[in-house]
N, C-alpha and C. Protein backbone atom coordinates (compact mmCIF):
# COMPACT_ATOMS: atom_id res chain seq x y z
N UNK A 1 24.78 110.83 340.69
CA UNK A 1 24.76 111.28 341.66
C UNK A 1 23.67 112.54 341.91
N UNK A 2 22.85 112.42 342.86
CA UNK A 2 21.72 113.36 342.86
C UNK A 2 22.08 114.57 343.98
N UNK A 3 22.07 115.62 343.32
CA UNK A 3 22.53 116.66 344.30
C UNK A 3 21.23 117.19 345.09
N UNK A 4 21.51 117.31 346.43
CA UNK A 4 20.32 118.00 347.24
C UNK A 4 19.78 119.22 346.85
N UNK A 5 20.82 120.36 346.40
CA UNK A 5 20.44 121.48 345.99
C UNK A 5 19.65 121.99 344.99
N UNK A 6 19.38 120.61 343.94
CA UNK A 6 18.67 120.73 342.79
C UNK A 6 17.04 120.30 343.45
N UNK A 7 17.07 119.91 344.48
CA UNK A 7 15.43 119.35 344.59
C UNK A 7 14.72 120.52 345.31
N UNK A 8 13.64 120.34 345.42
CA UNK A 8 12.55 121.50 345.77
C UNK A 8 11.12 120.86 346.71
N UNK A 9 10.47 121.49 347.45
CA UNK A 9 9.29 121.23 348.12
C UNK A 9 8.33 121.72 347.36
N UNK A 10 6.92 120.92 347.25
CA UNK A 10 5.64 121.36 347.07
C UNK A 10 4.46 121.29 347.89
N UNK A 11 3.63 122.36 347.74
CA UNK A 11 2.64 122.26 348.35
C UNK A 11 1.38 122.46 347.66
N UNK A 12 0.34 121.48 347.70
CA UNK A 12 -0.82 121.49 346.98
C UNK A 12 -1.94 122.04 348.00
N UNK A 13 -2.87 123.00 347.26
CA UNK A 13 -3.80 123.71 347.98
C UNK A 13 -5.09 123.18 347.13
N UNK A 14 -6.13 123.01 347.59
CA UNK A 14 -7.69 123.10 346.89
C UNK A 14 -8.08 124.12 346.23
N UNK A 15 -8.53 124.27 344.99
CA UNK A 15 -8.93 126.09 344.79
C UNK A 15 -9.78 126.57 345.75
N UNK A 16 -10.68 125.87 346.57
CA UNK A 16 -11.66 126.44 347.46
C UNK A 16 -10.84 127.00 348.90
N UNK A 17 -9.22 126.65 348.98
CA UNK A 17 -8.59 127.12 349.89
C UNK A 17 -7.78 128.04 350.10
N UNK A 18 -6.97 128.50 351.19
CA UNK A 18 -6.04 129.72 351.16
C UNK A 18 -4.64 128.47 351.35
N UNK A 19 -3.88 129.07 350.24
CA UNK A 19 -2.56 128.22 350.39
C UNK A 19 -1.72 128.14 351.80
N UNK A 20 -0.98 127.30 351.96
CA UNK A 20 -0.35 127.35 353.06
C UNK A 20 -0.66 128.04 354.55
N UNK A 21 -1.66 127.29 354.69
CA UNK A 21 -2.43 127.27 356.22
C UNK A 21 -2.34 125.91 356.47
N UNK A 22 -2.49 125.91 357.91
CA UNK A 22 -2.78 124.53 358.70
C UNK A 22 -4.02 124.78 359.92
N UNK A 23 -4.87 123.92 359.45
CA UNK A 23 -6.09 124.06 360.35
C UNK A 23 -5.85 123.93 361.66
N UNK A 24 -5.00 123.24 362.08
CA UNK A 24 -4.36 122.48 363.39
C UNK A 24 -3.98 123.93 364.06
N UNK A 25 -3.72 125.19 363.29
CA UNK A 25 -3.09 126.03 364.05
C UNK A 25 -4.22 126.99 364.95
N UNK A 26 -5.59 126.94 363.97
CA UNK A 26 -7.11 127.42 364.82
C UNK A 26 -7.16 126.92 366.19
N UNK A 27 -7.76 128.25 366.63
CA UNK A 27 -8.51 127.48 368.04
C UNK A 27 -9.29 126.17 367.91
N UNK A 28 -9.49 125.08 368.65
CA UNK A 28 -10.44 124.17 368.35
C UNK A 28 -11.69 124.46 368.07
N UNK A 29 -12.49 125.23 368.35
CA UNK A 29 -13.86 125.26 368.09
C UNK A 29 -13.74 126.07 366.52
N UNK A 30 -12.81 126.87 366.49
CA UNK A 30 -12.58 127.57 364.78
C UNK A 30 -12.52 126.49 363.98
N UNK A 31 -11.22 125.56 364.19
CA UNK A 31 -11.28 124.47 363.62
C UNK A 31 -12.23 123.51 363.20
N UNK A 32 -12.93 123.10 364.21
CA UNK A 32 -14.07 122.15 364.06
C UNK A 32 -15.11 122.80 363.15
N UNK A 33 -15.12 124.09 363.26
CA UNK A 33 -15.99 125.12 362.43
C UNK A 33 -15.91 125.42 361.02
N UNK A 34 -14.62 125.39 360.97
CA UNK A 34 -14.12 125.41 359.38
C UNK A 34 -14.18 123.78 358.64
N UNK A 35 -13.74 122.76 359.28
CA UNK A 35 -13.85 121.74 358.79
C UNK A 35 -15.33 121.23 358.19
N UNK A 36 -15.94 121.81 359.31
CA UNK A 36 -17.49 121.51 359.13
C UNK A 36 -18.07 122.21 357.45
N UNK A 37 -17.34 123.31 357.54
CA UNK A 37 -17.99 124.16 356.66
C UNK A 37 -17.49 123.62 355.19
N UNK A 38 -16.10 123.40 355.27
CA UNK A 38 -15.11 122.94 353.88
C UNK A 38 -15.59 121.85 353.67
N UNK A 39 -16.22 120.56 354.49
CA UNK A 39 -16.49 119.40 354.18
C UNK A 39 -18.05 119.34 353.55
N UNK A 40 -18.73 120.80 353.79
CA UNK A 40 -20.38 120.63 353.53
C UNK A 40 -19.99 121.11 352.24
N UNK A 41 -19.44 122.18 351.86
CA UNK A 41 -18.89 123.02 350.69
C UNK A 41 -18.26 122.08 349.39
N UNK A 42 -17.76 120.99 349.94
CA UNK A 42 -17.00 119.96 348.91
C UNK A 42 -17.23 118.68 349.26
N UNK A 43 -18.49 118.19 349.22
CA UNK A 43 -18.70 116.77 349.30
C UNK A 43 -18.24 115.78 348.62
N UNK A 44 -17.84 116.15 347.34
CA UNK A 44 -17.45 115.28 346.57
C UNK A 44 -16.11 114.92 346.13
N UNK A 45 -15.15 115.77 346.93
CA UNK A 45 -13.71 116.49 347.01
C UNK A 45 -13.11 115.51 348.01
N UNK A 46 -11.98 114.39 347.41
CA UNK A 46 -11.37 113.85 348.40
C UNK A 46 -10.64 114.29 349.19
N UNK A 47 -9.88 115.32 348.86
CA UNK A 47 -9.43 116.27 350.14
C UNK A 47 -9.87 116.80 351.50
N UNK A 48 -11.25 116.56 350.81
CA UNK A 48 -12.34 116.85 352.36
C UNK A 48 -12.79 115.79 353.34
N UNK A 49 -12.36 114.71 352.92
CA UNK A 49 -13.28 113.53 353.55
C UNK A 49 -12.89 113.66 354.78
N UNK A 50 -11.33 114.20 354.96
CA UNK A 50 -10.94 114.06 356.68
C UNK A 50 -11.93 115.17 357.78
N UNK A 51 -12.22 116.11 356.95
CA UNK A 51 -12.76 117.00 357.22
C UNK A 51 -14.31 116.68 357.69
N UNK A 52 -14.81 115.98 356.90
CA UNK A 52 -16.27 115.47 357.17
C UNK A 52 -16.10 114.19 358.26
N UNK A 53 -14.73 114.07 358.53
CA UNK A 53 -14.56 113.03 359.96
C UNK A 53 -13.84 113.49 360.99
N UNK A 54 -14.04 114.78 361.19
CA UNK A 54 -13.06 115.70 361.62
C UNK A 54 -12.85 115.05 363.36
N UNK A 55 -14.11 114.69 363.80
CA UNK A 55 -14.23 114.02 365.04
C UNK A 55 -12.89 113.29 365.61
N UNK A 56 -12.67 112.10 364.34
CA UNK A 56 -11.30 111.33 364.77
C UNK A 56 -10.53 112.00 363.84
N UNK A 57 -10.37 112.41 362.61
CA UNK A 57 -9.25 113.33 362.18
C UNK A 57 -8.45 114.15 363.12
N UNK A 58 -9.04 114.99 363.98
CA UNK A 58 -8.86 115.74 364.45
C UNK A 58 -7.69 115.64 365.92
N UNK A 59 -8.04 114.57 366.38
CA UNK A 59 -7.22 113.80 367.56
C UNK A 59 -6.12 113.18 367.12
N UNK A 60 -6.09 112.70 365.91
CA UNK A 60 -5.13 111.82 365.15
C UNK A 60 -4.05 112.69 364.76
N UNK A 61 -4.60 113.75 363.94
CA UNK A 61 -3.32 114.91 363.71
C UNK A 61 -2.89 115.65 364.63
N UNK A 62 -3.54 115.91 366.00
CA UNK A 62 -2.82 116.50 367.22
C UNK A 62 -1.81 115.57 367.43
N UNK A 63 -1.94 114.34 368.04
CA UNK A 63 -0.99 113.24 368.05
C UNK A 63 0.05 113.09 367.36
N UNK A 64 -0.09 113.19 365.92
CA UNK A 64 1.06 112.94 365.01
C UNK A 64 1.75 114.27 365.17
N UNK A 65 1.18 115.68 364.93
CA UNK A 65 1.93 116.94 365.32
C UNK A 65 2.77 116.85 366.36
N UNK A 66 2.26 116.37 367.52
CA UNK A 66 3.09 116.02 368.91
C UNK A 66 4.53 115.42 368.53
N UNK A 67 4.21 113.92 367.95
CA UNK A 67 5.16 113.04 367.62
C UNK A 67 6.39 113.98 366.83
N UNK A 68 5.93 114.21 365.67
CA UNK A 68 6.51 114.77 364.73
C UNK A 68 7.55 116.27 365.49
N UNK A 69 6.82 117.28 366.16
CA UNK A 69 7.59 118.14 366.91
C UNK A 69 8.52 117.70 367.86
N UNK A 70 8.20 116.58 368.61
CA UNK A 70 9.28 116.37 369.61
C UNK A 70 10.11 115.68 369.06
N UNK A 71 10.18 114.48 367.79
CA UNK A 71 11.20 114.13 367.07
C UNK A 71 11.76 114.84 366.40
N UNK A 72 11.12 115.95 365.85
CA UNK A 72 12.13 117.18 365.47
C UNK A 72 13.26 117.83 366.08
N UNK A 73 12.61 118.23 367.70
CA UNK A 73 13.47 118.70 368.51
C UNK A 73 14.74 117.53 368.88
N UNK A 74 14.19 116.26 368.87
CA UNK A 74 15.18 115.44 369.24
C UNK A 74 16.28 115.26 368.37
N UNK A 75 16.16 115.66 367.15
CA UNK A 75 17.09 115.22 365.92
C UNK A 75 17.87 116.51 365.68
N UNK A 76 17.84 117.55 366.61
CA UNK A 76 18.18 119.08 366.56
C UNK A 76 17.69 119.92 365.61
N UNK A 77 16.35 119.95 365.46
CA UNK A 77 15.44 120.61 364.56
C UNK A 77 15.14 121.83 365.83
N UNK A 78 14.87 123.09 365.15
CA UNK A 78 14.13 124.29 366.00
C UNK A 78 12.99 124.55 365.76
N UNK A 79 11.99 123.99 365.67
CA UNK A 79 10.55 124.38 365.28
C UNK A 79 10.25 125.92 365.77
N UNK A 80 9.35 126.70 364.83
CA UNK A 80 9.07 127.85 364.98
C UNK A 80 7.66 127.64 365.57
N UNK A 81 6.97 126.50 365.23
CA UNK A 81 5.56 126.21 365.19
C UNK A 81 5.14 124.99 365.70
N UNK A 82 4.16 124.46 366.85
CA UNK A 82 3.81 123.39 366.70
C UNK A 82 3.36 122.44 365.39
N UNK A 83 2.57 123.42 365.01
CA UNK A 83 1.95 122.49 363.77
C UNK A 83 2.76 122.84 362.49
N UNK A 84 3.65 122.09 361.54
CA UNK A 84 4.16 122.41 360.55
C UNK A 84 3.23 122.41 358.96
N UNK A 85 3.69 123.31 358.19
CA UNK A 85 3.05 123.34 356.62
C UNK A 85 3.56 121.88 356.08
N UNK A 86 2.73 121.54 355.43
CA UNK A 86 3.02 119.96 355.05
C UNK A 86 3.45 120.27 353.34
N UNK A 87 4.34 119.62 353.28
CA UNK A 87 4.86 119.68 351.58
C UNK A 87 5.32 118.10 351.03
N UNK A 88 5.56 118.30 349.70
CA UNK A 88 6.01 116.71 349.53
C UNK A 88 7.27 117.41 348.89
N UNK A 89 8.55 116.10 348.71
CA UNK A 89 9.40 116.32 348.07
C UNK A 89 9.16 116.01 346.74
N UNK A 90 9.63 117.10 345.63
CA UNK A 90 9.69 116.77 344.29
C UNK A 90 8.51 116.94 343.98
N UNK A 91 7.12 117.26 344.11
CA UNK A 91 5.80 117.04 343.93
C UNK A 91 5.59 115.63 344.05
N UNK A 92 4.29 115.56 343.68
CA UNK A 92 3.06 114.06 343.47
C UNK A 92 2.21 114.38 342.65
N UNK A 93 1.82 113.66 341.77
CA UNK A 93 0.80 113.87 340.90
C UNK A 93 -0.50 113.27 341.58
N UNK A 94 -0.28 112.20 342.35
CA UNK A 94 -1.32 111.39 343.30
C UNK A 94 -2.03 112.81 343.93
N UNK A 95 -0.98 113.70 344.59
CA UNK A 95 -1.61 114.69 345.70
C UNK A 95 -2.43 116.00 344.67
N UNK A 96 -1.40 116.15 343.72
CA UNK A 96 -2.03 116.98 342.58
C UNK A 96 -3.63 116.88 342.48
N UNK A 97 -3.91 115.79 342.09
CA UNK A 97 -5.34 115.45 342.07
C UNK A 97 -5.98 115.20 343.04
N UNK A 98 -5.60 114.63 344.06
CA UNK A 98 -6.24 114.76 345.50
C UNK A 98 -7.01 116.20 345.92
N UNK A 99 -6.08 117.22 345.59
CA UNK A 99 -6.28 118.58 345.83
C UNK A 99 -7.04 119.18 344.39
N UNK A 100 -7.35 118.29 343.62
CA UNK A 100 -8.42 118.81 342.31
C UNK A 100 -7.70 120.19 341.74
N UNK A 101 -6.32 119.34 341.67
CA UNK A 101 -5.45 120.46 340.70
C UNK A 101 -5.26 121.93 341.00
N UNK A 102 -5.44 122.32 342.28
CA UNK A 102 -5.51 123.47 342.62
C UNK A 102 -4.11 124.28 342.35
N UNK A 103 -4.00 125.42 343.40
CA UNK A 103 -2.78 125.96 343.29
C UNK A 103 -1.51 125.11 343.67
N UNK A 104 -0.60 125.53 343.74
CA UNK A 104 1.17 124.85 343.76
C UNK A 104 1.93 125.81 344.11
N UNK A 105 2.63 125.35 345.19
CA UNK A 105 3.70 126.30 345.61
C UNK A 105 5.11 125.57 345.70
N UNK A 106 5.79 126.14 344.92
CA UNK A 106 7.09 125.48 344.85
C UNK A 106 8.52 125.86 345.85
N UNK A 107 9.07 125.45 346.48
CA UNK A 107 10.28 125.91 347.04
C UNK A 107 11.29 125.21 346.89
N UNK A 108 12.62 125.65 346.56
CA UNK A 108 13.80 125.03 346.30
C UNK A 108 14.48 124.73 347.92
N UNK A 109 14.86 123.37 347.91
CA UNK A 109 14.99 122.88 349.35
C UNK A 109 16.28 123.57 350.01
N UNK A 110 17.16 123.90 348.88
CA UNK A 110 18.32 124.77 349.13
C UNK A 110 18.19 125.96 349.92
N UNK A 111 17.08 126.65 350.04
CA UNK A 111 16.71 127.84 350.23
C UNK A 111 16.25 127.80 352.02
N UNK A 112 15.88 126.49 352.45
CA UNK A 112 15.56 126.08 353.74
C UNK A 112 16.70 125.69 354.90
N UNK A 113 17.14 126.18 355.70
CA UNK A 113 18.01 125.86 356.62
C UNK A 113 17.53 124.38 357.66
N UNK A 114 18.44 123.34 357.67
CA UNK A 114 18.35 121.98 358.34
C UNK A 114 17.28 122.12 359.23
N UNK A 115 17.49 123.45 360.19
CA UNK A 115 16.56 123.38 361.42
C UNK A 115 15.46 123.69 361.53
N UNK A 116 14.92 123.91 360.22
CA UNK A 116 13.52 124.46 359.88
C UNK A 116 12.61 123.08 358.84
N UNK A 117 12.98 121.88 358.78
CA UNK A 117 12.58 121.28 357.94
C UNK A 117 13.12 119.76 358.15
N UNK A 118 11.62 118.85 357.91
CA UNK A 118 11.87 117.57 358.38
C UNK A 118 11.36 116.64 357.40
N UNK A 119 11.38 115.54 357.19
CA UNK A 119 10.74 114.45 356.12
C UNK A 119 10.51 113.40 356.80
N UNK A 120 9.53 112.63 356.13
CA UNK A 120 9.08 111.26 356.67
C UNK A 120 8.43 110.68 355.46
N UNK A 121 8.94 109.34 355.21
CA UNK A 121 8.40 108.46 354.08
C UNK A 121 7.07 108.03 354.37
N UNK A 122 6.21 108.84 353.17
CA UNK A 122 4.65 108.94 353.15
C UNK A 122 4.08 109.37 354.24
N UNK A 123 2.70 109.51 354.09
CA UNK A 123 1.79 110.29 355.02
C UNK A 123 2.12 110.19 356.47
N UNK A 124 2.45 111.25 357.44
CA UNK A 124 2.77 111.08 358.33
C UNK A 124 1.67 110.86 359.42
N UNK A 125 0.18 110.79 358.97
CA UNK A 125 -0.98 110.67 359.67
C UNK A 125 -1.45 109.38 359.54
N UNK A 126 -1.25 108.74 358.09
CA UNK A 126 -1.82 107.25 357.65
C UNK A 126 -0.67 106.55 358.16
N UNK A 127 0.76 106.76 357.99
CA UNK A 127 1.92 105.86 358.65
C UNK A 127 1.53 105.73 360.37
N UNK A 128 1.34 106.59 361.02
CA UNK A 128 0.94 106.61 362.07
C UNK A 128 -0.29 105.65 362.45
N UNK A 129 -1.30 105.75 361.99
CA UNK A 129 -2.40 105.15 362.05
C UNK A 129 -1.90 103.61 361.77
N UNK A 130 -1.22 103.11 360.87
CA UNK A 130 -1.36 102.05 360.42
C UNK A 130 -0.27 101.10 360.81
N UNK A 131 1.09 101.99 361.46
CA UNK A 131 2.09 101.07 362.05
C UNK A 131 2.19 101.54 363.66
N UNK A 132 1.77 102.76 363.88
CA UNK A 132 1.94 102.99 365.46
C UNK A 132 3.23 103.94 365.77
N UNK A 133 3.86 104.37 364.39
CA UNK A 133 5.01 104.70 364.90
C UNK A 133 5.28 105.81 363.31
N UNK A 134 6.31 106.64 363.47
CA UNK A 134 6.66 107.50 362.54
C UNK A 134 8.31 107.81 362.39
N UNK A 135 8.68 107.43 361.13
CA UNK A 135 10.09 107.22 360.92
C UNK A 135 10.28 109.04 360.23
N UNK A 136 11.29 109.97 360.99
CA UNK A 136 11.53 110.96 360.53
C UNK A 136 13.01 110.96 360.33
N UNK A 137 13.32 111.76 358.92
CA UNK A 137 14.51 112.36 358.86
C UNK A 137 14.99 113.49 358.57
N UNK A 138 16.32 114.03 359.10
CA UNK A 138 16.58 115.38 358.70
C UNK A 138 16.84 115.91 357.23
N UNK A 139 17.31 116.99 356.77
CA UNK A 139 17.72 117.10 355.53
C UNK A 139 19.09 116.51 355.28
N UNK A 140 19.77 116.79 356.61
CA UNK A 140 21.35 115.86 356.29
C UNK A 140 21.15 114.35 356.05
N UNK A 141 20.04 113.68 357.04
CA UNK A 141 19.99 112.54 356.82
C UNK A 141 19.39 112.03 355.40
N UNK A 142 18.49 112.53 354.48
CA UNK A 142 18.23 112.66 353.47
C UNK A 142 19.35 112.95 352.27
N UNK A 143 20.19 113.76 352.27
CA UNK A 143 21.20 113.76 351.77
C UNK A 143 21.99 112.62 351.34
N UNK A 144 22.52 112.17 353.01
CA UNK A 144 23.14 111.00 352.87
C UNK A 144 22.29 109.61 352.09
N UNK A 145 20.83 109.49 352.26
CA UNK A 145 20.22 108.59 351.53
C UNK A 145 20.39 108.74 350.16
N UNK A 146 20.20 110.26 349.68
CA UNK A 146 20.69 110.15 348.34
C UNK A 146 21.78 110.08 347.54
N UNK A 147 22.75 110.30 348.50
CA UNK A 147 24.41 110.23 348.07
C UNK A 147 24.52 108.91 347.70
N UNK A 148 23.67 107.69 348.55
CA UNK A 148 24.28 106.38 348.15
C UNK A 148 23.63 106.03 347.46
N UNK A 149 22.50 106.83 346.78
CA UNK A 149 21.68 105.75 345.91
C UNK A 149 22.28 106.05 344.11
N UNK A 150 22.17 104.91 343.88
CA UNK A 150 22.96 104.43 342.22
C UNK A 150 21.46 105.20 341.36
N UNK A 151 21.33 106.13 340.87
CA UNK A 151 20.57 106.41 339.75
C UNK A 151 20.10 108.19 340.17
N UNK A 152 19.04 108.32 339.16
CA UNK A 152 18.72 109.54 339.26
C UNK A 152 17.60 109.92 340.44
N UNK A 153 17.44 111.27 340.14
CA UNK A 153 15.65 111.49 341.06
C UNK A 153 14.98 111.02 340.90
N UNK A 154 14.71 110.76 339.47
CA UNK A 154 13.35 110.20 338.97
C UNK A 154 13.35 109.01 339.24
N UNK A 155 14.44 108.45 339.29
CA UNK A 155 14.57 106.66 339.90
C UNK A 155 14.01 106.53 340.87
N UNK A 156 14.56 107.55 341.85
CA UNK A 156 14.61 107.43 343.34
C UNK A 156 13.20 107.81 343.78
N UNK A 157 12.31 108.32 343.08
CA UNK A 157 10.93 109.20 343.33
C UNK A 157 10.07 107.91 342.70
N UNK A 158 10.64 107.55 341.80
CA UNK A 158 9.67 106.05 341.43
C UNK A 158 9.66 105.02 342.42
N UNK A 159 10.66 104.48 342.96
CA UNK A 159 10.47 103.48 343.77
C UNK A 159 10.07 104.48 344.95
N UNK A 160 10.10 105.56 345.45
CA UNK A 160 9.07 105.90 346.90
C UNK A 160 7.85 106.07 346.43
N UNK A 161 7.36 106.13 345.10
CA UNK A 161 5.89 106.25 344.76
C UNK A 161 5.42 104.85 345.03
N UNK A 162 6.09 103.82 344.42
CA UNK A 162 5.78 102.58 344.66
C UNK A 162 5.38 101.86 346.33
N UNK A 163 6.18 102.53 346.92
CA UNK A 163 6.64 101.98 348.51
C UNK A 163 5.61 102.93 349.33
N UNK A 164 5.34 104.13 349.08
CA UNK A 164 4.59 105.06 350.14
C UNK A 164 4.14 106.46 349.61
N UNK A 165 4.12 106.15 348.24
CA UNK A 165 3.33 107.09 347.17
C UNK A 165 4.33 108.54 347.11
N UNK A 166 4.78 109.09 348.44
CA UNK A 166 5.73 110.26 348.69
C UNK A 166 6.53 110.31 349.88
N UNK A 167 7.54 111.71 349.71
CA UNK A 167 8.06 111.80 350.70
C UNK A 167 7.47 113.06 351.48
N UNK A 168 6.80 113.05 352.48
CA UNK A 168 6.27 114.12 353.06
C UNK A 168 7.58 115.12 353.74
N UNK A 169 7.20 116.47 353.57
CA UNK A 169 8.09 117.25 354.21
C UNK A 169 7.26 118.06 355.09
N UNK A 170 7.80 118.26 356.59
CA UNK A 170 7.51 119.23 357.40
C UNK A 170 8.10 120.49 357.22
N UNK A 171 7.50 121.94 356.99
CA UNK A 171 8.53 122.93 357.22
C UNK A 171 7.79 123.49 358.51
N UNK A 172 9.18 123.90 359.20
CA UNK A 172 8.56 124.21 360.63
C UNK A 172 8.86 126.00 360.82
N UNK A 173 8.81 126.49 359.96
CA UNK A 173 9.34 127.91 360.05
C UNK A 173 8.46 128.85 358.71
N UNK A 174 7.23 129.50 358.93
CA UNK A 174 6.58 129.75 357.85
C UNK A 174 7.62 131.06 356.98
N UNK A 175 8.45 131.57 357.87
CA UNK A 175 9.36 132.60 356.89
C UNK A 175 9.76 131.83 355.59
N UNK A 176 10.18 130.67 355.39
CA UNK A 176 10.51 130.02 353.98
C UNK A 176 9.44 129.62 353.13
N UNK A 177 8.19 129.84 353.52
CA UNK A 177 6.74 129.56 352.70
C UNK A 177 6.46 130.44 352.06
N UNK A 178 7.24 131.66 351.57
CA UNK A 178 6.77 132.79 350.70
C UNK A 178 7.23 132.72 349.50
N UNK A 179 8.75 131.82 349.40
CA UNK A 179 9.08 131.77 348.16
C UNK A 179 8.29 130.92 347.02
N UNK A 180 8.67 131.31 346.00
CA UNK A 180 8.14 130.90 344.54
C UNK A 180 6.81 130.58 344.51
N UNK A 181 5.79 131.42 344.77
CA UNK A 181 4.28 130.58 344.73
C UNK A 181 3.93 130.80 343.39
């Protein structure tokens, strides 16, 4: 049986960026300026393609964050910000390479209260773009999913990887983002 207290969340950050920041928290003009600057400086880096197309990415990210925020509140969450920090459950080799093997922040899941964390299967922006909806789960819902799973966490994550690459994690309180850098 998988024990949720043994799990962790991971944030990947490109070497040219500051860890644990969200560009959507900046005023719009500053966000566009930073996106343009980062796209220009990192033309060959996959992680910055979204910044090169910020005119399309920005409104989609705003819409996604609004849906995530509203859904999280409807599920009993207590977000401390409108734009969460993004992590993945148990890490992702795919994202590590996407962000050019930059800095990694790992935080034990057990250290984060349920009212400050949510999960989506796969990337929330691309899921919304592809399907028109986002399916969010709470920490308790994740625990129930894992409780019913016959196998190890590695087996579970392998199945997730085949379906949707990873489980995205939204951290809604920055106070918990300073652990285990």
